[in-house]
Amino acid sequence: MSQQMPTQEQVQEQREKQAEMEEQKKEMLKKICTAEALDRIGRIQVVKPEKAMEIENTLLHMAMSGKLEAQITDEALKKMLAQEANQSTVQMKRRDIMDDDDW
């Protein structure tokens, strides 16, 4: 099986599709979030792009499944982020140096 490299036209077409999908995503977010909430997501994106994408996808999923009753305000977004932070705490258990089996 030989895989062919995509042609320049195919690469350009894929980029256009990706840009169009990104534009649709932004338009939907504008409809379901207030300007302040979008601003907060934008600031998160500067620091943690993957986290911002996760938030955007969560909001879009909630909107598509009908779980949003009104526009997401900055306060509602803060509450959502706080709940998520409380749920995803990581506990690390340190070993006592004298318990190490390598001694």
PDB file of N, CA and C in Angstrom:
ATOM      1  N   MET A   1       0.840  -1.177   0.000  1.00  0.00           N
ATOM      2  CA  MET A   1       0.000   0.000   0.000  1.00  0.00           C
ATOM      3  C   MET A   1       0.889   1.245   0.000  1.00  0.00           C
ATOM      4  N   SER A   2       0.694   2.058  -0.968  1.00  0.00           N
ATOM      5  CA  SER A   2       1.455   3.300  -1.009  1.00  0.00           C
ATOM      6  C   SER A   2       0.527   4.463  -0.736  1.00  0.00           C
ATOM      7  N   GLN A   3       0.956   5.299   0.173  1.00  0.00           N
ATOM      8  CA  GLN A   3       0.161   6.471   0.495  1.00  0.00           C
ATOM      9  C   GLN A   3       0.686   7.634  -0.310  1.00  0.00           C
ATOM     10  N   GLN A   4      -0.226   8.308  -0.959  1.00  0.00           N
ATOM     11  CA  GLN A   4       0.170   9.465  -1.741  1.00  0.00           C
ATOM     12  C   GLN A   4       0.113  10.703  -0.877  1.00  0.00           C
ATOM     13  N   MET A   5       1.001  11.599  -1.134  1.00  0.00           N
ATOM     14  CA  MET A   5       0.982  12.882  -0.446  1.00  0.00           C
ATOM     15  C   MET A   5      -0.197  13.684  -0.981  1.00  0.00           C
ATOM     16  N   PRO A   6      -0.889  14.394  -0.110  1.00  0.00           N
ATOM     17  CA  PRO A   6      -2.006  15.190  -0.607  1.00  0.00           C
ATOM     18  C   PRO A   6      -1.509  16.297  -1.532  1.00  0.00           C
ATOM     19  N   THR A   7      -2.299  16.568  -2.536  1.00  0.00           N
ATOM     20  CA  THR A   7      -1.929  17.624  -3.475  1.00  0.00           C
ATOM     21  C   THR A   7      -2.136  18.976  -2.809  1.00  0.00           C
ATOM     22  N   GLN A   8      -1.586  19.988  -3.431  1.00  0.00           N
ATOM     23  CA  GLN A   8      -1.703  21.330  -2.878  1.00  0.00           C
ATOM     24  C   GLN A   8      -3.168  21.764  -2.839  1.00  0.00           C
ATOM     25  N   GLU A   9      -3.936  21.354  -3.836  1.00  0.00           N
ATOM     26  CA  GLU A   9      -5.357  21.693  -3.863  1.00  0.00           C
ATOM     27  C   GLU A   9      -6.101  21.026  -2.710  1.00  0.00           C
ATOM     28  N   GLN A  10      -5.752  19.771  -2.425  1.00  0.00           N
ATOM     29  CA  GLN A  10      -6.405  19.060  -1.327  1.00  0.00           C
ATOM     30  C   GLN A  10      -6.060  19.696   0.014  1.00  0.00           C
ATOM     31  N   VAL A  11      -4.816  20.099   0.179  1.00  0.00           N
ATOM     32  CA  VAL A  11      -4.392  20.744   1.417  1.00  0.00           C
ATOM     33  C   VAL A  11      -5.134  22.072   1.575  1.00  0.00           C
ATOM     34  N   GLN A  12      -5.222  22.838   0.490  1.00  0.00           N
ATOM     35  CA  GLN A  12      -5.920  24.126   0.534  1.00  0.00           C
ATOM     36  C   GLN A  12      -7.401  23.925   0.843  1.00  0.00           C
ATOM     37  N   GLU A  13      -8.004  22.917   0.239  1.00  0.00           N
ATOM     38  CA  GLU A  13      -9.419  22.618   0.479  1.00  0.00           C
ATOM     39  C   GLU A  13      -9.651  22.228   1.933  1.00  0.00           C
ATOM     40  N   GLN A  14      -8.739  21.438   2.484  1.00  0.00           N
ATOM     41  CA  GLN A  14      -8.863  21.030   3.877  1.00  0.00           C
ATOM     42  C   GLN A  14      -8.731  22.236   4.805  1.00  0.00           C
ATOM     43  N   ARG A  15      -7.813  23.133   4.503  1.00  0.00           N
ATOM     44  CA  ARG A  15      -7.651  24.337   5.307  1.00  0.00           C
ATOM     45  C   ARG A  15      -8.906  25.213   5.253  1.00  0.00           C
ATOM     46  N   GLU A  16      -9.491  25.325   4.073  1.00  0.00           N
ATOM     47  CA  GLU A  16     -10.709  26.121   3.922  1.00  0.00           C
ATOM     48  C   GLU A  16     -11.858  25.525   4.729  1.00  0.00           C
ATOM     49  N   LYS A  17     -11.991  24.201   4.692  1.00  0.00           N
ATOM     50  CA  LYS A  17     -13.039  23.530   5.470  1.00  0.00           C
ATOM     51  C   LYS A  17     -12.823  23.763   6.960  1.00  0.00           C
ATOM     52  N   GLN A  18     -11.575  23.653   7.374  1.00  0.00           N
ATOM     53  CA  GLN A  18     -11.247  23.851   8.787  1.00  0.00           C
ATOM     54  C   GLN A  18     -11.551  25.289   9.210  1.00  0.00           C
ATOM     55  N   ALA A  19     -11.210  26.248   8.371  1.00  0.00           N
ATOM     56  CA  ALA A  19     -11.477  27.652   8.673  1.00  0.00           C
ATOM     57  C   ALA A  19     -12.981  27.916   8.721  1.00  0.00           C
ATOM     58  N   GLU A  20     -13.723  27.290   7.831  1.00  0.00           N
ATOM     59  CA  GLU A  20     -15.179  27.447   7.808  1.00  0.00           C
ATOM     60  C   GLU A  20     -15.810  26.857   9.066  1.00  0.00           C
ATOM     61  N   MET A  21     -15.339  25.699   9.481  1.00  0.00           N
ATOM     62  CA  MET A  21     -15.859  25.079  10.699  1.00  0.00           C
ATOM     63  C   MET A  21     -15.528  25.941  11.917  1.00  0.00           C
ATOM     64  N   GLU A  22     -14.338  26.506  11.955  1.00  0.00           N
ATOM     65  CA  GLU A  22     -13.932  27.371  13.066  1.00  0.00           C
ATOM     66  C   GLU A  22     -14.814  28.623  13.107  1.00  0.00           C
ATOM     67  N   GLU A  23     -15.127  29.153  11.933  1.00  0.00           N
ATOM     68  CA  GLU A  23     -15.987  30.335  11.854  1.00  0.00           C
ATOM     69  C   GLU A  23     -17.397  30.021  12.356  1.00  0.00           C
ATOM     70  N   GLN A  24     -17.929  28.853  11.977  1.00  0.00           N
ATOM     71  CA  GLN A  24     -19.256  28.429  12.451  1.00  0.00           C
ATOM     72  C   GLN A  24     -19.252  28.275  13.967  1.00  0.00           C
ATOM     73  N   LYS A  25     -18.178  27.712  14.492  1.00  0.00           N
ATOM     74  CA  LYS A  25     -18.050  27.527  15.937  1.00  0.00           C
ATOM     75  C   LYS A  25     -18.069  28.878  16.649  1.00  0.00           C
ATOM     76  N   LYS A  26     -17.308  29.845  16.123  1.00  0.00           N
ATOM     77  CA  LYS A  26     -17.257  31.178  16.724  1.00  0.00           C
ATOM     78  C   LYS A  26     -18.624  31.854  16.675  1.00  0.00           C
ATOM     79  N   GLU A  27     -19.345  31.688  15.569  1.00  0.00           N
ATOM     80  CA  GLU A  27     -20.670  32.292  15.438  1.00  0.00           C
ATOM     81  C   GLU A  27     -21.643  31.700  16.461  1.00  0.00           C
ATOM     82  N   MET A  28     -21.585  30.384  16.651  1.00  0.00           N
ATOM     83  CA  MET A  28     -22.459  29.748  17.632  1.00  0.00           C
ATOM     84  C   MET A  28     -22.118  30.226  19.044  1.00  0.00           C
ATOM     85  N   LEU A  29     -20.821  30.360  19.336  1.00  0.00           N
ATOM     86  CA  LEU A  29     -20.415  30.834  20.655  1.00  0.00           C
ATOM     87  C   LEU A  29     -20.895  32.258  20.897  1.00  0.00           C
ATOM     88  N   LYS A  30     -20.896  33.086  19.849  1.00  0.00           N
ATOM     89  CA  LYS A  30     -21.391  34.459  19.984  1.00  0.00           C
ATOM     90  C   LYS A  30     -22.872  34.472  20.342  1.00  0.00           C
ATOM     91  N   LYS A  31     -23.603  33.474  19.857  1.00  0.00           N
ATOM     92  CA  LYS A  31     -25.037  33.402  20.138  1.00  0.00           C
ATOM     93  C   LYS A  31     -25.318  32.916  21.554  1.00  0.00           C
ATOM     94  N   ILE A  32     -24.474  32.024  22.074  1.00  0.00           N
ATOM     95  CA  ILE A  32     -24.786  31.422  23.373  1.00  0.00           C
ATOM     96  C   ILE A  32     -24.042  32.061  24.540  1.00  0.00           C
ATOM     97  N   CYS A  33     -23.055  32.939  24.261  1.00  0.00           N
ATOM     98  CA  CYS A  33     -22.287  33.581  25.330  1.00  0.00           C
ATOM     99  C   CYS A  33     -22.384  35.095  25.229  1.00  0.00           C
ATOM    100  N   THR A  34     -22.312  35.752  26.372  1.00  0.00           N
ATOM    101  CA  THR A  34     -22.242  37.211  26.377  1.00  0.00           C
ATOM    102  C   THR A  34     -20.829  37.629  25.971  1.00  0.00           C
ATOM    103  N   ALA A  35     -20.657  38.903  25.680  1.00  0.00           N
ATOM    104  CA  ALA A  35     -19.342  39.415  25.277  1.00  0.00           C
ATOM    105  C   ALA A  35     -18.309  39.211  26.380  1.00  0.00           C
ATOM    106  N   GLU A  36     -18.737  39.376  27.638  1.00  0.00           N
ATOM    107  CA  GLU A  36     -17.806  39.203  28.753  1.00  0.00           C
ATOM    108  C   GLU A  36     -17.346  37.755  28.868  1.00  0.00           C
ATOM    109  N   ALA A  37     -18.269  36.818  28.665  1.00  0.00           N
ATOM    110  CA  ALA A  37     -17.904  35.399  28.735  1.00  0.00           C
ATOM    111  C   ALA A  37     -16.953  35.037  27.597  1.00  0.00           C
ATOM    112  N   LEU A  38     -17.216  35.570  26.411  1.00  0.00           N
ATOM    113  CA  LEU A  38     -16.317  35.325  25.278  1.00  0.00           C
ATOM    114  C   LEU A  38     -14.931  35.916  25.543  1.00  0.00           C
ATOM    115  N   ASP A  39     -14.917  37.072  26.175  1.00  0.00           N
ATOM    116  CA  ASP A  39     -13.652  37.704  26.522  1.00  0.00           C
ATOM    117  C   ASP A  39     -12.862  36.826  27.495  1.00  0.00           C
ATOM    118  N   ARG A  40     -13.549  36.261  28.478  1.00  0.00           N
ATOM    119  CA  ARG A  40     -12.887  35.382  29.448  1.00  0.00           C
ATOM    120  C   ARG A  40     -12.333  34.135  28.744  1.00  0.00           C
ATOM    121  N   ILE A  41     -13.106  33.559  27.849  1.00  0.00           N
ATOM    122  CA  ILE A  41     -12.635  32.386  27.101  1.00  0.00           C
ATOM    123  C   ILE A  41     -11.395  32.766  26.280  1.00  0.00           C
ATOM    124  N   GLY A  42     -11.415  33.958  25.706  1.00  0.00           N
ATOM    125  CA  GLY A  42     -10.263  34.424  24.933  1.00  0.00           C
ATOM    126  C   GLY A  42      -9.017  34.568  25.786  1.00  0.00           C
ATOM    127  N   ARG A  43      -9.182  35.060  27.008  1.00  0.00           N
ATOM    128  CA  ARG A  43      -8.031  35.192  27.914  1.00  0.00           C
ATOM    129  C   ARG A  43      -7.513  33.816  28.331  1.00  0.00           C
ATOM    130  N   ILE A  44      -8.429  32.876  28.531  1.00  0.00           N
ATOM    131  CA  ILE A  44      -8.001  31.507  28.870  1.00  0.00           C
ATOM    132  C   ILE A  44      -7.235  30.911  27.697  1.00  0.00           C
ATOM    133  N   GLN A  45      -7.701  31.213  26.477  1.00  0.00           N
ATOM    134  CA  GLN A  45      -7.057  30.655  25.284  1.00  0.00           C
ATOM    135  C   GLN A  45      -5.608  31.117  25.144  1.00  0.00           C
ATOM    136  N   VAL A  46      -5.312  32.320  25.597  1.00  0.00           N
ATOM    137  CA  VAL A  46      -3.944  32.824  25.532  1.00  0.00           C
ATOM    138  C   VAL A  46      -3.032  31.982  26.417  1.00  0.00           C
ATOM    139  N   VAL A  47      -3.539  31.601  27.592  1.00  0.00           N
ATOM    140  CA  VAL A  47      -2.725  30.871  28.559  1.00  0.00           C
ATOM    141  C   VAL A  47      -2.768  29.365  28.320  1.00  0.00           C
ATOM    142  N   LYS A  48      -3.979  28.838  28.116  1.00  0.00           N
ATOM    143  CA  LYS A  48      -4.161  27.396  27.932  1.00  0.00           C
ATOM    144  C   LYS A  48      -5.108  27.145  26.758  1.00  0.00           C
ATOM    145  N   PRO A  49      -4.576  27.084  25.538  1.00  0.00           N
ATOM    146  CA  PRO A  49      -5.437  26.900  24.362  1.00  0.00           C
ATOM    147  C   PRO A  49      -6.283  25.629  24.415  1.00  0.00           C
ATOM    148  N   GLU A  50      -5.713  24.542  24.946  1.00  0.00           N
ATOM    149  CA  GLU A  50      -6.470  23.289  25.001  1.00  0.00           C
ATOM    150  C   GLU A  50      -7.633  23.387  25.988  1.00  0.00           C
ATOM    151  N   LYS A  51      -7.441  24.122  27.063  1.00  0.00           N
ATOM    152  CA  LYS A  51      -8.507  24.321  28.052  1.00  0.00           C
ATOM    153  C   LYS A  51      -9.638  25.164  27.449  1.00  0.00           C
ATOM    154  N   ALA A  52      -9.271  26.198  26.710  1.00  0.00           N
ATOM    155  CA  ALA A  52     -10.283  27.040  26.062  1.00  0.00           C
ATOM    156  C   ALA A  52     -11.094  26.231  25.059  1.00  0.00           C
ATOM    157  N   MET A  53     -10.410  25.365  24.314  1.00  0.00           N
ATOM    158  CA  MET A  53     -11.115  24.530  23.338  1.00  0.00           C
ATOM    159  C   MET A  53     -12.075  23.579  24.049  1.00  0.00           C
ATOM    160  N   GLU A  54     -11.649  23.045  25.170  1.00  0.00           N
ATOM    161  CA  GLU A  54     -12.497  22.160  25.959  1.00  0.00           C
ATOM    162  C   GLU A  54     -13.746  22.905  26.456  1.00  0.00           C
ATOM    163  N   ILE A  55     -13.558  24.132  26.929  1.00  0.00           N
ATOM    164  CA  ILE A  55     -14.680  24.941  27.402  1.00  0.00           C
ATOM    165  C   ILE A  55     -15.641  25.230  26.255  1.00  0.00           C
ATOM    166  N   GLU A  56     -15.087  25.640  25.117  1.00  0.00           N
ATOM    167  CA  GLU A  56     -15.930  25.936  23.953  1.00  0.00           C
ATOM    168  C   GLU A  56     -16.734  24.714  23.539  1.00  0.00           C
ATOM    169  N   ASN A  57     -16.070  23.564  23.475  1.00  0.00           N
ATOM    170  CA  ASN A  57     -16.764  22.339  23.076  1.00  0.00           C
ATOM    171  C   ASN A  57     -17.853  21.960  24.070  1.00  0.00           C
ATOM    172  N   THR A  58     -17.582  22.146  25.354  1.00  0.00           N
ATOM    173  CA  THR A  58     -18.582  21.858  26.380  1.00  0.00           C
ATOM    174  C   THR A  58     -19.801  22.756  26.216  1.00  0.00           C
ATOM    175  N   LEU A  59     -19.549  24.055  26.012  1.00  0.00           N
ATOM    176  CA  LEU A  59     -20.666  24.995  25.840  1.00  0.00           C
ATOM    177  C   LEU A  59     -21.478  24.671  24.592  1.00  0.00           C
ATOM    178  N   LEU A  60     -20.798  24.345  23.505  1.00  0.00           N
ATOM    179  CA  LEU A  60     -21.506  24.004  22.271  1.00  0.00           C
ATOM    180  C   LEU A  60     -22.330  22.730  22.450  1.00  0.00           C
ATOM    181  N   HIS A  61     -21.759  21.759  23.143  1.00  0.00           N
ATOM    182  CA  HIS A  61     -22.484  20.510  23.390  1.00  0.00           C
ATOM    183  C   HIS A  61     -23.731  20.774  24.240  1.00  0.00           C
ATOM    184  N   MET A  62     -23.567  21.619  25.268  1.00  0.00           N
ATOM    185  CA  MET A  62     -24.711  21.954  26.118  1.00  0.00           C
ATOM    186  C   MET A  62     -25.795  22.663  25.305  1.00  0.00           C
ATOM    187  N   ALA A  63     -25.383  23.548  24.420  1.00  0.00           N
ATOM    188  CA  ALA A  63     -26.347  24.287  23.596  1.00  0.00           C
ATOM    189  C   ALA A  63     -27.080  23.340  22.645  1.00  0.00           C
ATOM    190  N   MET A  64     -26.351  22.420  22.036  1.00  0.00           N
ATOM    191  CA  MET A  64     -26.967  21.493  21.077  1.00  0.00           C
ATOM    192  C   MET A  64     -27.905  20.508  21.755  1.00  0.00           C
ATOM    193  N   SER A  65     -27.608  20.163  23.006  1.00  0.00           N
ATOM    194  CA  SER A  65     -28.460  19.202  23.709  1.00  0.00           C
ATOM    195  C   SER A  65     -29.605  19.893  24.451  1.00  0.00           C
ATOM    196  N   GLY A  66     -29.681  21.223  24.340  1.00  0.00           N
ATOM    197  CA  GLY A  66     -30.784  21.960  24.946  1.00  0.00           C
ATOM    198  C   GLY A  66     -30.648  22.186  26.437  1.00  0.00           C
ATOM    199  N   LYS A  67     -29.446  22.093  26.970  1.00  0.00           N
ATOM    200  CA  LYS A  67     -29.250  22.260  28.412  1.00  0.00           C
ATOM    201  C   LYS A  67     -29.053  23.719  28.820  1.00  0.00           C
ATOM    202  N   LEU A  68     -28.937  24.613  27.851  1.00  0.00           N
ATOM    203  CA  LEU A  68     -28.765  26.031  28.165  1.00  0.00           C
ATOM    204  C   LEU A  68     -30.124  26.717  28.122  1.00  0.00           C
ATOM    205  N   GLU A  69     -30.458  27.396  29.199  1.00  0.00           N
ATOM    206  CA  GLU A  69     -31.744  28.080  29.269  1.00  0.00           C
ATOM    207  C   GLU A  69     -31.622  29.525  28.790  1.00  0.00           C
ATOM    208  N   ALA A  70     -30.436  30.121  28.959  1.00  0.00           N
ATOM    209  CA  ALA A  70     -30.200  31.504  28.565  1.00  0.00           C
ATOM    210  C   ALA A  70     -28.746  31.633  28.137  1.00  0.00           C
ATOM    211  N   GLN A  71     -28.384  32.848  27.723  1.00  0.00           N
ATOM    212  CA  GLN A  71     -26.995  33.073  27.346  1.00  0.00           C
ATOM    213  C   GLN A  71     -26.083  32.859  28.540  1.00  0.00           C
ATOM    214  N   ILE A  72     -24.889  32.342  28.261  1.00  0.00           N
ATOM    215  CA  ILE A  72     -23.893  32.145  29.311  1.00  0.00           C
ATOM    216  C   ILE A  72     -23.263  33.498  29.617  1.00  0.00           C
ATOM    217  N   THR A  73     -23.407  33.936  30.855  1.00  0.00           N
ATOM    218  CA  THR A  73     -22.795  35.180  31.286  1.00  0.00           C
ATOM    219  C   THR A  73     -21.411  34.886  31.849  1.00  0.00           C
ATOM    220  N   ASP A  74     -20.673  35.934  32.113  1.00  0.00           N
ATOM    221  CA  ASP A  74     -19.349  35.776  32.698  1.00  0.00           C
ATOM    222  C   ASP A  74     -19.445  35.093  34.061  1.00  0.00           C
ATOM    223  N   GLU A  75     -20.444  35.479  34.842  1.00  0.00           N
ATOM    224  CA  GLU A  75     -20.643  34.862  36.166  1.00  0.00           C
ATOM    225  C   GLU A  75     -20.958  33.376  36.043  1.00  0.00           C
ATOM    226  N   ALA A  76     -21.819  33.022  35.093  1.00  0.00           N
ATOM    227  CA  ALA A  76     -22.168  31.609  34.897  1.00  0.00           C
ATOM    228  C   ALA A  76     -20.940  30.820  34.445  1.00  0.00           C
ATOM    229  N   LEU A  77     -20.130  31.426  33.606  1.00  0.00           N
ATOM    230  CA  LEU A  77     -18.908  30.763  33.144  1.00  0.00           C
ATOM    231  C   LEU A  77     -17.942  30.559  34.308  1.00  0.00           C
ATOM    232  N   LYS A  78     -17.808  31.563  35.169  1.00  0.00           N
ATOM    233  CA  LYS A  78     -16.945  31.438  36.356  1.00  0.00           C
ATOM    234  C   LYS A  78     -17.419  30.293  37.242  1.00  0.00           C
ATOM    235  N   LYS A  79     -18.739  30.199  37.452  1.00  0.00           N
ATOM    236  CA  LYS A  79     -19.276  29.115  38.283  1.00  0.00           C
ATOM    237  C   LYS A  79     -18.986  27.764  37.661  1.00  0.00           C
ATOM    238  N   MET A  80     -19.151  27.674  36.341  1.00  0.00           N
ATOM    239  CA  MET A  80     -18.893  26.428  35.638  1.00  0.00           C
ATOM    240  C   MET A  80     -17.418  26.035  35.783  1.00  0.00           C
ATOM    241  N   LEU A  81     -16.527  27.001  35.649  1.00  0.00           N
ATOM    242  CA  LEU A  81     -15.093  26.729  35.780  1.00  0.00           C
ATOM    243  C   LEU A  81     -14.730  26.341  37.211  1.00  0.00           C
ATOM    244  N   ALA A  82     -15.371  26.978  38.186  1.00  0.00           N
ATOM    245  CA  ALA A  82     -15.110  26.645  39.596  1.00  0.00           C
ATOM    246  C   ALA A  82     -15.570  25.234  39.911  1.00  0.00           C
ATOM    247  N   GLN A  83     -16.738  24.848  39.397  1.00  0.00           N
ATOM    248  CA  GLN A  83     -17.237  23.486  39.625  1.00  0.00           C
ATOM    249  C   GLN A  83     -16.291  22.476  38.999  1.00  0.00           C
ATOM    250  N   GLU A  84     -15.819  22.772  37.806  1.00  0.00           N
ATOM    251  CA  GLU A  84     -14.904  21.874  37.122  1.00  0.00           C
ATOM    252  C   GLU A  84     -13.594  21.753  37.890  1.00  0.00           C
ATOM    253  N   ALA A  85     -13.122  22.868  38.431  1.00  0.00           N
ATOM    254  CA  ALA A  85     -11.874  22.850  39.203  1.00  0.00           C
ATOM    255  C   ALA A  85     -12.041  22.017  40.468  1.00  0.00           C
ATOM    256  N   ASN A  86     -13.208  22.095  41.098  1.00  0.00           N
ATOM    257  CA  ASN A  86     -13.457  21.309  42.307  1.00  0.00           C
ATOM    258  C   ASN A  86     -13.525  19.819  42.005  1.00  0.00           C
ATOM    259  N   GLN A  87     -14.023  19.471  40.833  1.00  0.00           N
ATOM    260  CA  GLN A  87     -14.165  18.062  40.478  1.00  0.00           C
ATOM    261  C   GLN A  87     -12.841  17.427  40.072  1.00  0.00           C
ATOM    262  N   SER A  88     -11.933  18.227  39.562  1.00  0.00           N
ATOM    263  CA  SER A  88     -10.709  17.644  39.008  1.00  0.00           C
ATOM    264  C   SER A  88      -9.490  17.932  39.873  1.00  0.00           C
ATOM    265  N   THR A  89      -9.626  17.723  41.170  1.00  0.00           N
ATOM    266  CA  THR A  89      -8.462  17.908  42.029  1.00  0.00           C
ATOM    267  C   THR A  89      -7.603  16.652  41.997  1.00  0.00           C
ATOM    268  N   VAL A  90      -6.327  16.846  42.074  1.00  0.00           N
ATOM    269  CA  VAL A  90      -5.378  15.743  42.036  1.00  0.00           C
ATOM    270  C   VAL A  90      -4.714  15.661  43.396  1.00  0.00           C
ATOM    271  N   GLN A  91      -4.729  14.479  43.956  1.00  0.00           N
ATOM    272  CA  GLN A  91      -4.072  14.287  45.239  1.00  0.00           C
ATOM    273  C   GLN A  91      -2.804  13.490  45.012  1.00  0.00           C
ATOM    274  N   MET A  92      -1.742  13.983  45.601  1.00  0.00           N
ATOM    275  CA  MET A  92      -0.475  13.281  45.501  1.00  0.00           C
ATOM    276  C   MET A  92      -0.088  12.814  46.900  1.00  0.00           C
ATOM    277  N   LYS A  93       0.294  11.589  46.990  1.00  0.00           N
ATOM    278  CA  LYS A  93       0.701  11.037  48.268  1.00  0.00           C
ATOM    279  C   LYS A  93       2.224  10.913  48.258  1.00  0.00           C
ATOM    280  N   ARG A  94       2.840  11.596  49.182  1.00  0.00           N
ATOM    281  CA  ARG A  94       4.298  11.548  49.265  1.00  0.00           C
ATOM    282  C   ARG A  94       4.725  10.399  50.161  1.00  0.00           C
ATOM    283  N   ARG A  95       5.794   9.777  49.745  1.00  0.00           N
ATOM    284  CA  ARG A  95       6.340   8.713  50.570  1.00  0.00           C
ATOM    285  C   ARG A  95       7.361   9.305  51.523  1.00  0.00           C
ATOM    286  N   ASP A  96       7.429   8.712  52.669  1.00  0.00           N
ATOM    287  CA  ASP A  96       8.465   9.104  53.613  1.00  0.00           C
ATOM    288  C   ASP A  96       9.780   8.525  53.105  1.00  0.00           C
ATOM    289  N   ILE A  97      10.841   9.279  53.192  1.00  0.00           N
ATOM    290  CA  ILE A  97      12.120   8.846  52.651  1.00  0.00           C
ATOM    291  C   ILE A  97      12.593   7.546  53.316  1.00  0.00           C
ATOM    292  N   MET A  98      12.199   7.330  54.536  1.00  0.00           N
ATOM    293  CA  MET A  98      12.628   6.117  55.250  1.00  0.00           C
ATOM    294  C   MET A  98      11.797   4.898  54.837  1.00  0.00           C
ATOM    295  N   ASP A  99      10.691   5.126  54.109  1.00  0.00           N
ATOM    296  CA  ASP A  99       9.885   4.008  53.643  1.00  0.00           C
ATOM    297  C   ASP A  99      10.358   3.465  52.316  1.00  0.00           C
ATOM    298  N   ASP A 100      11.372   4.062  51.742  1.00  0.00           N
ATOM    299  CA  ASP A 100      11.847   3.664  50.430  1.00  0.00           C
ATOM    300  C   ASP A 100      12.475   2.263  50.518  1.00  0.00           C
ATOM    301  N   ASP A 101      12.107   1.387  49.643  1.00  0.00           N
ATOM    302  CA  ASP A 101      12.597   0.017  49.637  1.00  0.00           C
ATOM    303  C   ASP A 101      14.026  -0.102  49.105  1.00  0.00           C
ATOM    304  N   ASP A 102      14.526   0.967  48.521  1.00  0.00           N
ATOM    305  CA  ASP A 102      15.885   0.918  47.942  1.00  0.00           C
ATOM    306  C   ASP A 102      16.966   0.981  49.007  1.00  0.00           C
ATOM    307  N   TRP A 103      16.637   1.253  50.251  1.00  0.00           N
ATOM    308  CA  TRP A 103      17.655   1.391  51.284  1.00  0.00           C
ATOM    309  C   TRP A 103      18.187   0.073  51.662  1.00  0.00           C
TER     310      TRP A 103
END
